[in-house]
Amino acid sequence: MKHDKTDKQIKEFLKRELPQAPVNPWFTRKVMNRLPEKRPNWAARIENAGFLVAAITLGIFWYMLISTTTTSNVITVGDIFNYVVMIAMSIALSAGYMFSILRKI
């Protein structure tokens, strides 16, 4: 509580004592033009490549699972377990990718 009061006092002091910035519609553009070029983010590229490899691998496993299930006449407990695991892995991969995108926003 004491910090809130101190923060308010500092804010009011700065607002009173510092000069106001002049109104200039070109200010943002000037600042943005003077910023350095964005460097490529290699970590994001590696992360996206990892998600792509995981998605392709998961797709191959889904194909293998579905093709072996459709060729046999019986669905076993092992097949059901494999489907549950594959669904969980698909959800985990999708959630990981979504969180990765949302973190960058």
PDB file of N, CA and C in Angstrom:
ATOM      1  N   MET A   1       0.813  -1.193   0.000  1.00  0.00           N
ATOM      2  CA  MET A   1       0.000   0.000   0.000  1.00  0.00           C
ATOM      3  C   MET A   1       0.858   1.258   0.000  1.00  0.00           C
ATOM      4  N   LYS A   2       1.956   1.210   0.749  1.00  0.00           N
ATOM      5  CA  LYS A   2       2.836   2.358   0.821  1.00  0.00           C
ATOM      6  C   LYS A   2       3.461   2.626  -0.545  1.00  0.00           C
ATOM      7  N   HIS A   3       3.768   1.544  -1.276  1.00  0.00           N
ATOM      8  CA  HIS A   3       4.381   1.694  -2.598  1.00  0.00           C
ATOM      9  C   HIS A   3       3.415   2.348  -3.577  1.00  0.00           C
ATOM     10  N   ASP A   4       2.139   2.026  -3.461  1.00  0.00           N
ATOM     11  CA  ASP A   4       1.145   2.628  -4.358  1.00  0.00           C
ATOM     12  C   ASP A   4       1.115   4.144  -4.190  1.00  0.00           C
ATOM     13  N   LYS A   5       1.166   4.587  -2.935  1.00  0.00           N
ATOM     14  CA  LYS A   5       1.140   6.023  -2.658  1.00  0.00           C
ATOM     15  C   LYS A   5       2.403   6.693  -3.195  1.00  0.00           C
ATOM     16  N   THR A   6       3.543   6.042  -2.986  1.00  0.00           N
ATOM     17  CA  THR A   6       4.809   6.576  -3.481  1.00  0.00           C
ATOM     18  C   THR A   6       4.810   6.629  -5.005  1.00  0.00           C
ATOM     19  N   ASP A   7       4.310   5.574  -5.642  1.00  0.00           N
ATOM     20  CA  ASP A   7       4.245   5.553  -7.105  1.00  0.00           C
ATOM     21  C   ASP A   7       3.369   6.683  -7.632  1.00  0.00           C
ATOM     22  N   LYS A   8       2.247   6.908  -6.980  1.00  0.00           N
ATOM     23  CA  LYS A   8       1.356   7.995  -7.402  1.00  0.00           C
ATOM     24  C   LYS A   8       2.043   9.344  -7.257  1.00  0.00           C
ATOM     25  N   GLN A   9       2.756   9.514  -6.150  1.00  0.00           N
ATOM     26  CA  GLN A   9       3.450  10.782  -5.927  1.00  0.00           C
ATOM     27  C   GLN A   9       4.520  11.014  -6.982  1.00  0.00           C
ATOM     28  N   ILE A  10       5.266   9.976  -7.306  1.00  0.00           N
ATOM     29  CA  ILE A  10       6.304  10.100  -8.330  1.00  0.00           C
ATOM     30  C   ILE A  10       5.666  10.415  -9.679  1.00  0.00           C
ATOM     31  N   LYS A  11       4.574   9.727 -10.005  1.00  0.00           N
ATOM     32  CA  LYS A  11       3.890   9.957 -11.273  1.00  0.00           C
ATOM     33  C   LYS A  11       3.398  11.401 -11.371  1.00  0.00           C
ATOM     34  N   GLU A  12       2.787  11.880 -10.303  1.00  0.00           N
ATOM     35  CA  GLU A  12       2.287  13.260 -10.299  1.00  0.00           C
ATOM     36  C   GLU A  12       3.433  14.259 -10.394  1.00  0.00           C
ATOM     37  N   PHE A  13       4.530  14.001  -9.698  1.00  0.00           N
ATOM     38  CA  PHE A  13       5.687  14.888  -9.749  1.00  0.00           C
ATOM     39  C   PHE A  13       6.248  14.972 -11.168  1.00  0.00           C
ATOM     40  N   LEU A  14       6.418  13.812 -11.803  1.00  0.00           N
ATOM     41  CA  LEU A  14       6.956  13.800 -13.161  1.00  0.00           C
ATOM     42  C   LEU A  14       6.012  14.490 -14.137  1.00  0.00           C
ATOM     43  N   LYS A  15       4.728  14.275 -13.959  1.00  0.00           N
ATOM     44  CA  LYS A  15       3.753  14.910 -14.847  1.00  0.00           C
ATOM     45  C   LYS A  15       3.798  16.430 -14.703  1.00  0.00           C
ATOM     46  N   ARG A  16       3.990  16.900 -13.479  1.00  0.00           N
ATOM     47  CA  ARG A  16       4.035  18.342 -13.209  1.00  0.00           C
ATOM     48  C   ARG A  16       5.330  18.971 -13.707  1.00  0.00           C
ATOM     49  N   GLU A  17       6.455  18.317 -13.475  1.00  0.00           N
ATOM     50  CA  GLU A  17       7.761  18.935 -13.681  1.00  0.00           C
ATOM     51  C   GLU A  17       8.347  18.745 -15.078  1.00  0.00           C
ATOM     52  N   LEU A  18       8.026  17.654 -15.730  1.00  0.00           N
ATOM     53  CA  LEU A  18       8.623  17.407 -17.041  1.00  0.00           C
ATOM     54  C   LEU A  18       7.821  18.075 -18.143  1.00  0.00           C
ATOM     55  N   PRO A  19       8.507  18.551 -19.183  1.00  0.00           N
ATOM     56  CA  PRO A  19       7.765  19.174 -20.285  1.00  0.00           C
ATOM     57  C   PRO A  19       6.998  18.111 -21.082  1.00  0.00           C
ATOM     58  N   GLN A  20       5.896  18.535 -21.648  1.00  0.00           N
ATOM     59  CA  GLN A  20       5.092  17.631 -22.464  1.00  0.00           C
ATOM     60  C   GLN A  20       5.736  17.472 -23.841  1.00  0.00           C
ATOM     61  N   ALA A  21       5.603  16.296 -24.398  1.00  0.00           N
ATOM     62  CA  ALA A  21       6.141  16.047 -25.736  1.00  0.00           C
ATOM     63  C   ALA A  21       5.303  16.803 -26.752  1.00  0.00           C
ATOM     64  N   PRO A  22       5.941  17.391 -27.751  1.00  0.00           N
ATOM     65  CA  PRO A  22       5.176  18.108 -28.760  1.00  0.00           C
ATOM     66  C   PRO A  22       4.342  17.139 -29.603  1.00  0.00           C
ATOM     67  N   VAL A  23       3.214  17.603 -30.076  1.00  0.00           N
ATOM     68  CA  VAL A  23       2.358  16.772 -30.909  1.00  0.00           C
ATOM     69  C   VAL A  23       2.948  16.765 -32.314  1.00  0.00           C
ATOM     70  N   ASN A  24       3.277  15.578 -32.792  1.00  0.00           N
ATOM     71  CA  ASN A  24       3.871  15.444 -34.113  1.00  0.00           C
ATOM     72  C   ASN A  24       3.363  14.143 -34.728  1.00  0.00           C
ATOM     73  N   PRO A  25       2.540  14.206 -35.764  1.00  0.00           N
ATOM     74  CA  PRO A  25       1.989  12.982 -36.348  1.00  0.00           C
ATOM     75  C   PRO A  25       3.053  12.101 -37.006  1.00  0.00           C
ATOM     76  N   TRP A  26       4.221  12.661 -37.316  1.00  0.00           N
ATOM     77  CA  TRP A  26       5.269  11.878 -37.965  1.00  0.00           C
ATOM     78  C   TRP A  26       6.209  11.225 -36.968  1.00  0.00           C
ATOM     79  N   PHE A  27       5.998  11.464 -35.681  1.00  0.00           N
ATOM     80  CA  PHE A  27       6.922  10.968 -34.661  1.00  0.00           C
ATOM     81  C   PHE A  27       7.084   9.455 -34.730  1.00  0.00           C
ATOM     82  N   THR A  28       5.984   8.724 -34.776  1.00  0.00           N
ATOM     83  CA  THR A  28       6.052   7.260 -34.775  1.00  0.00           C
ATOM     84  C   THR A  28       6.802   6.752 -35.995  1.00  0.00           C
ATOM     85  N   ARG A  29       6.491   7.299 -37.147  1.00  0.00           N
ATOM     86  CA  ARG A  29       7.159   6.850 -38.370  1.00  0.00           C
ATOM     87  C   ARG A  29       8.656   7.145 -38.315  1.00  0.00           C
ATOM     88  N   LYS A  30       9.026   8.330 -37.802  1.00  0.00           N
ATOM     89  CA  LYS A  30      10.448   8.673 -37.702  1.00  0.00           C
ATOM     90  C   LYS A  30      11.170   7.693 -36.788  1.00  0.00           C
ATOM     91  N   VAL A  31      10.555   7.383 -35.660  1.00  0.00           N
ATOM     92  CA  VAL A  31      11.176   6.460 -34.706  1.00  0.00           C
ATOM     93  C   VAL A  31      11.301   5.076 -35.321  1.00  0.00           C
ATOM     94  N   MET A  32      10.245   4.598 -35.954  1.00  0.00           N
ATOM     95  CA  MET A  32      10.265   3.256 -36.546  1.00  0.00           C
ATOM     96  C   MET A  32      11.304   3.168 -37.666  1.00  0.00           C
ATOM     97  N   ASN A  33      11.448   4.242 -38.461  1.00  0.00           N
ATOM     98  CA  ASN A  33      12.423   4.224 -39.545  1.00  0.00           C
ATOM     99  C   ASN A  33      13.860   4.218 -39.039  1.00  0.00           C
ATOM    100  N   ARG A  34      14.070   4.724 -37.848  1.00  0.00           N
ATOM    101  CA  ARG A  34      15.428   4.783 -37.311  1.00  0.00           C
ATOM    102  C   ARG A  34      15.811   3.533 -36.522  1.00  0.00           C
ATOM    103  N   LEU A  35      14.868   2.652 -36.275  1.00  0.00           N
ATOM    104  CA  LEU A  35      15.199   1.427 -35.559  1.00  0.00           C
ATOM    105  C   LEU A  35      16.051   0.523 -36.442  1.00  0.00           C
ATOM    106  N   PRO A  36      16.921  -0.273 -35.841  1.00  0.00           N
ATOM    107  CA  PRO A  36      17.743  -1.176 -36.657  1.00  0.00           C
ATOM    108  C   PRO A  36      16.871  -2.261 -37.308  1.00  0.00           C
ATOM    109  N   GLU A  37      17.397  -2.825 -38.385  1.00  0.00           N
ATOM    110  CA  GLU A  37      16.690  -3.909 -39.078  1.00  0.00           C
ATOM    111  C   GLU A  37      16.492  -5.080 -38.121  1.00  0.00           C
ATOM    112  N   LYS A  38      15.365  -5.777 -38.298  1.00  0.00           N
ATOM    113  CA  LYS A  38      15.124  -6.955 -37.469  1.00  0.00           C
ATOM    114  C   LYS A  38      16.040  -8.084 -37.929  1.00  0.00           C
ATOM    115  N   ARG A  39      16.704  -8.677 -36.969  1.00  0.00           N
ATOM    116  CA  ARG A  39      17.567  -9.813 -37.300  1.00  0.00           C
ATOM    117  C   ARG A  39      16.724 -11.078 -37.338  1.00  0.00           C
ATOM    118  N   PRO A  40      17.124 -12.037 -38.170  1.00  0.00           N
ATOM    119  CA  PRO A  40      16.357 -13.282 -38.208  1.00  0.00           C
ATOM    120  C   PRO A  40      16.434 -14.007 -36.865  1.00  0.00           C
ATOM    121  N   ASN A  41      15.321 -14.545 -36.446  1.00  0.00           N
ATOM    122  CA  ASN A  41      15.246 -15.243 -35.170  1.00  0.00           C
ATOM    123  C   ASN A  41      15.451 -16.735 -35.423  1.00  0.00           C
ATOM    124  N   TRP A  42      16.689 -17.179 -35.224  1.00  0.00           N
ATOM    125  CA  TRP A  42      17.011 -18.576 -35.510  1.00  0.00           C
ATOM    126  C   TRP A  42      16.335 -19.523 -34.536  1.00  0.00           C
ATOM    127  N   ALA A  43      16.156 -19.117 -33.305  1.00  0.00           N
ATOM    128  CA  ALA A  43      15.509 -19.992 -32.322  1.00  0.00           C
ATOM    129  C   ALA A  43      14.071 -20.290 -32.743  1.00  0.00           C
ATOM    130  N   ALA A  44      13.367 -19.280 -33.256  1.00  0.00           N
ATOM    131  CA  ALA A  44      11.986 -19.494 -33.706  1.00  0.00           C
ATOM    132  C   ALA A  44      11.958 -20.416 -34.916  1.00  0.00           C
ATOM    133  N   ARG A  45      12.921 -20.267 -35.809  1.00  0.00           N
ATOM    134  CA  ARG A  45      12.978 -21.149 -36.981  1.00  0.00           C
ATOM    135  C   ARG A  45      13.245 -22.588 -36.580  1.00  0.00           C
ATOM    136  N   ILE A  46      14.155 -22.779 -35.646  1.00  0.00           N
ATOM    137  CA  ILE A  46      14.452 -24.134 -35.171  1.00  0.00           C
ATOM    138  C   ILE A  46      13.233 -24.727 -34.470  1.00  0.00           C
ATOM    139  N   GLU A  47      12.550 -23.899 -33.668  1.00  0.00           N
ATOM    140  CA  GLU A  47      11.341 -24.363 -32.983  1.00  0.00           C
ATOM    141  C   GLU A  47      10.268 -24.773 -33.990  1.00  0.00           C
ATOM    142  N   ASN A  48      10.054 -23.960 -35.016  1.00  0.00           N
ATOM    143  CA  ASN A  48       9.062 -24.301 -36.038  1.00  0.00           C
ATOM    144  C   ASN A  48       9.458 -25.559 -36.804  1.00  0.00           C
ATOM    145  N   ALA A  49      10.749 -25.720 -37.081  1.00  0.00           N
ATOM    146  CA  ALA A  49      11.213 -26.937 -37.753  1.00  0.00           C
ATOM    147  C   ALA A  49      10.957 -28.159 -36.875  1.00  0.00           C
ATOM    148  N   GLY A  50      11.165 -28.028 -35.580  1.00  0.00           N
ATOM    149  CA  GLY A  50      10.887 -29.125 -34.653  1.00  0.00           C
ATOM    150  C   GLY A  50       9.414 -29.490 -34.637  1.00  0.00           C
ATOM    151  N   PHE A  51       8.549 -28.473 -34.634  1.00  0.00           N
ATOM    152  CA  PHE A  51       7.115 -28.750 -34.685  1.00  0.00           C
ATOM    153  C   PHE A  51       6.736 -29.432 -36.001  1.00  0.00           C
ATOM    154  N   LEU A  52       7.354 -29.007 -37.100  1.00  0.00           N
ATOM    155  CA  LEU A  52       7.066 -29.602 -38.400  1.00  0.00           C
ATOM    156  C   LEU A  52       7.491 -31.074 -38.434  1.00  0.00           C
ATOM    157  N   VAL A  53       8.690 -31.366 -37.937  1.00  0.00           N
ATOM    158  CA  VAL A  53       9.166 -32.755 -37.890  1.00  0.00           C
ATOM    159  C   VAL A  53       8.254 -33.595 -37.000  1.00  0.00           C
ATOM    160  N   ALA A  54       7.854 -33.054 -35.865  1.00  0.00           N
ATOM    161  CA  ALA A  54       6.955 -33.782 -34.959  1.00  0.00           C
ATOM    162  C   ALA A  54       5.602 -34.026 -35.617  1.00  0.00           C
ATOM    163  N   ALA A  55       5.088 -33.047 -36.342  1.00  0.00           N
ATOM    164  CA  ALA A  55       3.788 -33.205 -37.007  1.00  0.00           C
ATOM    165  C   ALA A  55       3.867 -34.257 -38.114  1.00  0.00           C
ATOM    166  N   ILE A  56       4.957 -34.238 -38.880  1.00  0.00           N
ATOM    167  CA  ILE A  56       5.116 -35.249 -39.940  1.00  0.00           C
ATOM    168  C   ILE A  56       5.237 -36.639 -39.328  1.00  0.00           C
ATOM    169  N   THR A  57       6.032 -36.762 -38.279  1.00  0.00           N
ATOM    170  CA  THR A  57       6.184 -38.058 -37.598  1.00  0.00           C
ATOM    171  C   THR A  57       4.854 -38.535 -37.038  1.00  0.00           C
ATOM    172  N   LEU A  58       4.122 -37.643 -36.426  1.00  0.00           N
ATOM    173  CA  LEU A  58       2.809 -37.996 -35.878  1.00  0.00           C
ATOM    174  C   LEU A  58       1.857 -38.419 -36.997  1.00  0.00           C
ATOM    175  N   GLY A  59       1.904 -37.717 -38.123  1.00  0.00           N
ATOM    176  CA  GLY A  59       1.069 -38.097 -39.267  1.00  0.00           C
ATOM    177  C   GLY A  59       1.408 -39.487 -39.783  1.00  0.00           C
ATOM    178  N   ILE A  60       2.696 -39.811 -39.834  1.00  0.00           N
ATOM    179  CA  ILE A  60       3.116 -41.157 -40.271  1.00  0.00           C
ATOM    180  C   ILE A  60       2.602 -42.206 -39.297  1.00  0.00           C
ATOM    181  N   PHE A  61       2.725 -41.932 -37.998  1.00  0.00           N
ATOM    182  CA  PHE A  61       2.223 -42.894 -37.002  1.00  0.00           C
ATOM    183  C   PHE A  61       0.711 -43.062 -37.108  1.00  0.00           C
ATOM    184  N   TRP A  62      -0.010 -41.948 -37.335  1.00  0.00           N
ATOM    185  CA  TRP A  62      -1.459 -42.054 -37.525  1.00  0.00           C
ATOM    186  C   TRP A  62      -1.770 -42.936 -38.730  1.00  0.00           C
ATOM    187  N   TYR A  63      -1.054 -42.738 -39.838  1.00  0.00           N
ATOM    188  CA  TYR A  63      -1.279 -43.552 -41.042  1.00  0.00           C
ATOM    189  C   TYR A  63      -1.024 -45.020 -40.758  1.00  0.00           C
ATOM    190  N   MET A  64       0.092 -45.296 -40.076  1.00  0.00           N
ATOM    191  CA  MET A  64       0.416 -46.690 -39.748  1.00  0.00           C
ATOM    192  C   MET A  64      -0.648 -47.303 -38.837  1.00  0.00           C
ATOM    193  N   LEU A  65      -1.093 -46.570 -37.854  1.00  0.00           N
ATOM    194  CA  LEU A  65      -2.090 -47.084 -36.914  1.00  0.00           C
ATOM    195  C   LEU A  65      -3.417 -47.353 -37.611  1.00  0.00           C
ATOM    196  N   ILE A  66      -3.854 -46.423 -38.418  1.00  0.00           N
ATOM    197  CA  ILE A  66      -5.135 -46.595 -39.106  1.00  0.00           C
ATOM    198  C   ILE A  66      -5.049 -47.726 -40.129  1.00  0.00           C
ATOM    199  N   SER A  67      -3.932 -47.815 -40.860  1.00  0.00           N
ATOM    200  CA  SER A  67      -3.816 -48.865 -41.876  1.00  0.00           C
ATOM    201  C   SER A  67      -3.756 -50.256 -41.243  1.00  0.00           C
ATOM    202  N   THR A  68      -3.082 -50.402 -40.096  1.00  0.00           N
ATOM    203  CA  THR A  68      -3.040 -51.728 -39.458  1.00  0.00           C
ATOM    204  C   THR A  68      -4.382 -52.078 -38.831  1.00  0.00           C
ATOM    205  N   THR A  69      -5.104 -51.080 -38.355  1.00  0.00           N
ATOM    206  CA  THR A  69      -6.411 -51.344 -37.751  1.00  0.00           C
ATOM    207  C   THR A  69      -7.434 -51.727 -38.812  1.00  0.00           C
ATOM    208  N   THR A  70      -7.382 -51.086 -39.973  1.00  0.00           N
ATOM    209  CA  THR A  70      -8.376 -51.381 -41.013  1.00  0.00           C
ATOM    210  C   THR A  70      -8.107 -52.709 -41.702  1.00  0.00           C
ATOM    211  N   THR A  71      -6.857 -53.181 -41.707  1.00  0.00           N
ATOM    212  CA  THR A  71      -6.570 -54.470 -42.348  1.00  0.00           C
ATOM    213  C   THR A  71      -6.924 -55.653 -41.458  1.00  0.00           C
ATOM    214  N   SER A  72      -6.963 -55.459 -40.166  1.00  0.00           N
ATOM    215  CA  SER A  72      -7.339 -56.571 -39.274  1.00  0.00           C
ATOM    216  C   SER A  72      -8.848 -56.547 -39.035  1.00  0.00           C
ATOM    217  N   ASN A  73      -9.397 -57.688 -38.698  1.00  0.00           N
ATOM    218  CA  ASN A  73     -10.839 -57.806 -38.476  1.00  0.00           C
ATOM    219  C   ASN A  73     -11.237 -57.533 -37.030  1.00  0.00           C
ATOM    220  N   VAL A  74     -10.257 -57.367 -36.165  1.00  0.00           N
ATOM    221  CA  VAL A  74     -10.522 -57.236 -34.743  1.00  0.00           C
ATOM    222  C   VAL A  74      -9.842 -55.984 -34.202  1.00  0.00           C
ATOM    223  N   ILE A  75     -10.541 -55.300 -33.285  1.00  0.00           N
ATOM    224  CA  ILE A  75      -9.927 -54.182 -32.565  1.00  0.00           C
ATOM    225  C   ILE A  75      -9.580 -54.688 -31.171  1.00  0.00           C
ATOM    226  N   THR A  76      -8.315 -54.592 -30.820  1.00  0.00           N
ATOM    227  CA  THR A  76      -7.852 -55.102 -29.536  1.00  0.00           C
ATOM    228  C   THR A  76      -7.741 -53.966 -28.518  1.00  0.00           C
ATOM    229  N   VAL A  77      -7.493 -54.353 -27.288  1.00  0.00           N
ATOM    230  CA  VAL A  77      -7.273 -53.371 -26.237  1.00  0.00           C
ATOM    231  C   VAL A  77      -6.024 -52.552 -26.555  1.00  0.00           C
ATOM    232  N   GLY A  78      -5.028 -53.198 -27.136  1.00  0.00           N
ATOM    233  CA  GLY A  78      -3.812 -52.492 -27.542  1.00  0.00           C
ATOM    234  C   GLY A  78      -4.101 -51.437 -28.588  1.00  0.00           C
ATOM    235  N   ASP A  79      -5.008 -51.731 -29.538  1.00  0.00           N
ATOM    236  CA  ASP A  79      -5.384 -50.740 -30.547  1.00  0.00           C
ATOM    237  C   ASP A  79      -6.049 -49.527 -29.900  1.00  0.00           C
ATOM    238  N   ILE A  80      -6.950 -49.787 -28.971  1.00  0.00           N
ATOM    239  CA  ILE A  80      -7.630 -48.690 -28.274  1.00  0.00           C
ATOM    240  C   ILE A  80      -6.617 -47.855 -27.494  1.00  0.00           C
ATOM    241  N   PHE A  81      -5.688 -48.524 -26.826  1.00  0.00           N
ATOM    242  CA  PHE A  81      -4.640 -47.813 -26.089  1.00  0.00           C
ATOM    243  C   PHE A  81      -3.809 -46.956 -27.042  1.00  0.00           C
ATOM    244  N   ASN A  82      -3.443 -47.522 -28.196  1.00  0.00           N
ATOM    245  CA  ASN A  82      -2.659 -46.759 -29.176  1.00  0.00           C
ATOM    246  C   ASN A  82      -3.423 -45.535 -29.671  1.00  0.00           C
ATOM    247  N   TYR A  83      -4.721 -45.682 -29.912  1.00  0.00           N
ATOM    248  CA  TYR A  83      -5.518 -44.535 -30.348  1.00  0.00           C
ATOM    249  C   TYR A  83      -5.570 -43.454 -29.268  1.00  0.00           C
ATOM    250  N   VAL A  84      -5.745 -43.855 -28.019  1.00  0.00           N
ATOM    251  CA  VAL A  84      -5.785 -42.883 -26.922  1.00  0.00           C
ATOM    252  C   VAL A  84      -4.453 -42.141 -26.826  1.00  0.00           C
ATOM    253  N   VAL A  85      -3.359 -42.876 -26.932  1.00  0.00           N
ATOM    254  CA  VAL A  85      -2.032 -42.247 -26.869  1.00  0.00           C
ATOM    255  C   VAL A  85      -1.829 -41.304 -28.047  1.00  0.00           C
ATOM    256  N   MET A  86      -2.245 -41.720 -29.247  1.00  0.00           N
ATOM    257  CA  MET A  86      -2.080 -40.874 -30.427  1.00  0.00           C
ATOM    258  C   MET A  86      -2.927 -39.602 -30.324  1.00  0.00           C
ATOM    259  N   ILE A  87      -4.124 -39.729 -29.807  1.00  0.00           N
ATOM    260  CA  ILE A  87      -4.971 -38.546 -29.619  1.00  0.00           C
ATOM    261  C   ILE A  87      -4.322 -37.596 -28.612  1.00  0.00           C
ATOM    262  N   ALA A  88      -3.811 -38.151 -27.520  1.00  0.00           N
ATOM    263  CA  ALA A  88      -3.146 -37.321 -26.501  1.00  0.00           C
ATOM    264  C   ALA A  88      -1.914 -36.628 -27.097  1.00  0.00           C
ATOM    265  N   MET A  89      -1.142 -37.340 -27.905  1.00  0.00           N
ATOM    266  CA  MET A  89       0.039 -36.738 -28.520  1.00  0.00           C
ATOM    267  C   MET A  89      -0.355 -35.650 -29.523  1.00  0.00           C
ATOM    268  N   SER A  90      -1.432 -35.878 -30.251  1.00  0.00           N
ATOM    269  CA  SER A  90      -1.896 -34.864 -31.210  1.00  0.00           C
ATOM    270  C   SER A  90      -2.354 -33.602 -30.493  1.00  0.00           C
ATOM    271  N   ILE A  91      -3.083 -33.780 -29.401  1.00  0.00           N
ATOM    272  CA  ILE A  91      -3.538 -32.627 -28.620  1.00  0.00           C
ATOM    273  C   ILE A  91      -2.344 -31.892 -28.012  1.00  0.00           C
ATOM    274  N   ALA A  92      -1.376 -32.646 -27.493  1.00  0.00           N
ATOM    275  CA  ALA A  92      -0.199 -32.023 -26.879  1.00  0.00           C
ATOM    276  C   ALA A  92       0.610 -31.242 -27.916  1.00  0.00           C
ATOM    277  N   LEU A  93       0.769 -31.816 -29.107  1.00  0.00           N
ATOM    278  CA  LEU A  93       1.518 -31.114 -30.152  1.00  0.00           C
ATOM    279  C   LEU A  93       0.779 -29.858 -30.591  1.00  0.00           C
ATOM    280  N   SER A  94      -0.520 -29.960 -30.767  1.00  0.00           N
ATOM    281  CA  SER A  94      -1.313 -28.793 -31.170  1.00  0.00           C
ATOM    282  C   SER A  94      -1.262 -27.703 -30.103  1.00  0.00           C
ATOM    283  N   ALA A  95      -1.421 -28.094 -28.845  1.00  0.00           N
ATOM    284  CA  ALA A  95      -1.381 -27.119 -27.745  1.00  0.00           C
ATOM    285  C   ALA A  95      -0.001 -26.472 -27.649  1.00  0.00           C
ATOM    286  N   GLY A  96       1.053 -27.254 -27.795  1.00  0.00           N
ATOM    287  CA  GLY A  96       2.404 -26.701 -27.746  1.00  0.00           C
ATOM    288  C   GLY A  96       2.643 -25.685 -28.842  1.00  0.00           C
ATOM    289  N   TYR A  97       2.152 -25.984 -30.028  1.00  0.00           N
ATOM    290  CA  TYR A  97       2.322 -25.050 -31.145  1.00  0.00           C
ATOM    291  C   TYR A  97       1.512 -23.776 -30.908  1.00  0.00           C
ATOM    292  N   MET A  98       0.273 -23.933 -30.423  1.00  0.00           N
ATOM    293  CA  MET A  98      -0.572 -22.763 -30.149  1.00  0.00           C
ATOM    294  C   MET A  98       0.047 -21.880 -29.076  1.00  0.00           C
ATOM    295  N   PHE A  99       0.543 -22.489 -27.985  1.00  0.00           N
ATOM    296  CA  PHE A  99       1.168 -21.712 -26.921  1.00  0.00           C
ATOM    297  C   PHE A  99       2.427 -21.012 -27.430  1.00  0.00           C
ATOM    298  N   SER A 100       3.145 -21.680 -28.328  1.00  0.00           N
ATOM    299  CA  SER A 100       4.335 -21.066 -28.907  1.00  0.00           C
ATOM    300  C   SER A 100       3.976 -19.828 -29.706  1.00  0.00           C
ATOM    301  N   ILE A 101       2.902 -19.899 -30.466  1.00  0.00           N
ATOM    302  CA  ILE A 101       2.456 -18.751 -31.263  1.00  0.00           C
ATOM    303  C   ILE A 101       1.948 -17.643 -30.345  1.00  0.00           C
ATOM    304  N   LEU A 102       1.131 -18.005 -29.349  1.00  0.00           N
ATOM    305  CA  LEU A 102       0.564 -17.007 -28.450  1.00  0.00           C
ATOM    306  C   LEU A 102       1.640 -16.317 -27.612  1.00  0.00           C
ATOM    307  N   ARG A 103       2.691 -17.034 -27.294  1.00  0.00           N
ATOM    308  CA  ARG A 103       3.782 -16.448 -26.513  1.00  0.00           C
ATOM    309  C   ARG A 103       4.492 -15.338 -27.286  1.00  0.00           C
ATOM    310  N   LYS A 104       4.515 -15.456 -28.608  1.00  0.00           N
ATOM    311  CA  LYS A 104       5.204 -14.474 -29.448  1.00  0.00           C
ATOM    312  C   LYS A 104       4.369 -13.224 -29.688  1.00  0.00           C
ATOM    313  N   ILE A 105       3.098 -13.303 -29.413  1.00  0.00           N
ATOM    314  CA  ILE A 105       2.209 -12.157 -29.661  1.00  0.00           C
ATOM    315  C   ILE A 105       2.351 -11.134 -28.561  1.00  0.00           C
TER     316      ILE A 105
END
